[in-house]
Amino acid sequence: NVTTYNAMSMAIITLQTFAGMWINAFIVSVLCVSWVKKRSFNSNEKILLFLGCVRFCYFCITWVYSFLKILYQCRFYAHHLAQLFSAIQSFFSFSNLWVSAFLSVFYCIKIANFQHTFFIYLKMRIDRIVPWLMLASVLVSLVISFLIYGIADEALNNNHNSTAPGNIWKLNIKMDRRFFPIFFISGFEYVAAFAAVISSALLLLFSLWRHKHKMQAKSGKNVSVDAHIKAMKSILSFLLIYSIHFICAIMELIYATKKATAVMIVISLFKHSFPSIYSLILIFSNPKLEETLIRTL
């Protein structure tokens, strides 16, 4: 029996899923066509391509996970599907989180002007470091997803009501305690990525202010200032959206064990909109993607 809440949730998730899949599929296709023509990728395009693939897969898994959980609850929790889909969804979610934060750090290192030895070293080596950082984000997300699978499997197997329909977090207080490591890991991931984005924005803003102060005596258009401003717009937009996403994620952890369906619908609406909106910002901040999108439309 599908309730009004379930139908509304599924409708929202479906709209967000297909919009997000279309946007990220567009990014991936444009970058792949560009690679076929040029036979080369710069570091920024590598990050955007990886981010587009991860988000496309995240939307696919999220829709299938929600569809099975809402329409086939008894079978979903009776088997190992709940644990498996939770682990897979966590893998793509954390990969998306880390790579999105790393993109802000990448812009900061590439554009900001600081004379510190370590910063200069990073600026010279960043193109070589990018593939290794993306690999590290995948490995860390994979380890965390295995941990989440193990915790969820242990919690569900030790609960006699695990086959009952309903949210996985609403079973009983004993299970809530077992899920505390998942809450802790998720909270730590969000805080660490949020701190990286804020630090990048502050460093880039300070670099822009100092550079404009040095260029006050000169007139005319300055390429470095324009690059600073363009990167700042992208990072500040991401910071605003990520702040909303961060608040929604924390609220989701708080309300996970409470029967507040209306609140969870609103939280889910904002949280799952984050990858799509940020992908649109990336499109309009990239001249190649923006030109292709306008020509396509």
Foldseek 3Di string as FASTA:
>chain_A
DFDPLLVLLLVLLVVLLVLLLVLLVLLLVLLVVVCVVVVDDFLLSVLSNVLSVLSNVLSVLVNVLSVCQRPVVLVCQVDLNNLVSQLVNQLSVQLNLQSVLVSLVVLLLQQFDDDDPVSVVCNVCVRVCSVVSSVVSNVVSNVVSVVSSVLLVVLSVPAPCRSPRDASLARDPVSVVSCVVVVVVVLVSLVVSLVSLVVSLVRLVVRLVVVCVVCVVPDDDDPSNVSSVLSNVLSVVLNVLSVLLSVLVNVCNVCVNPPDSVSVSVSVSSNSNSSSVSSVSVQVSDVSSVVVVVVVD
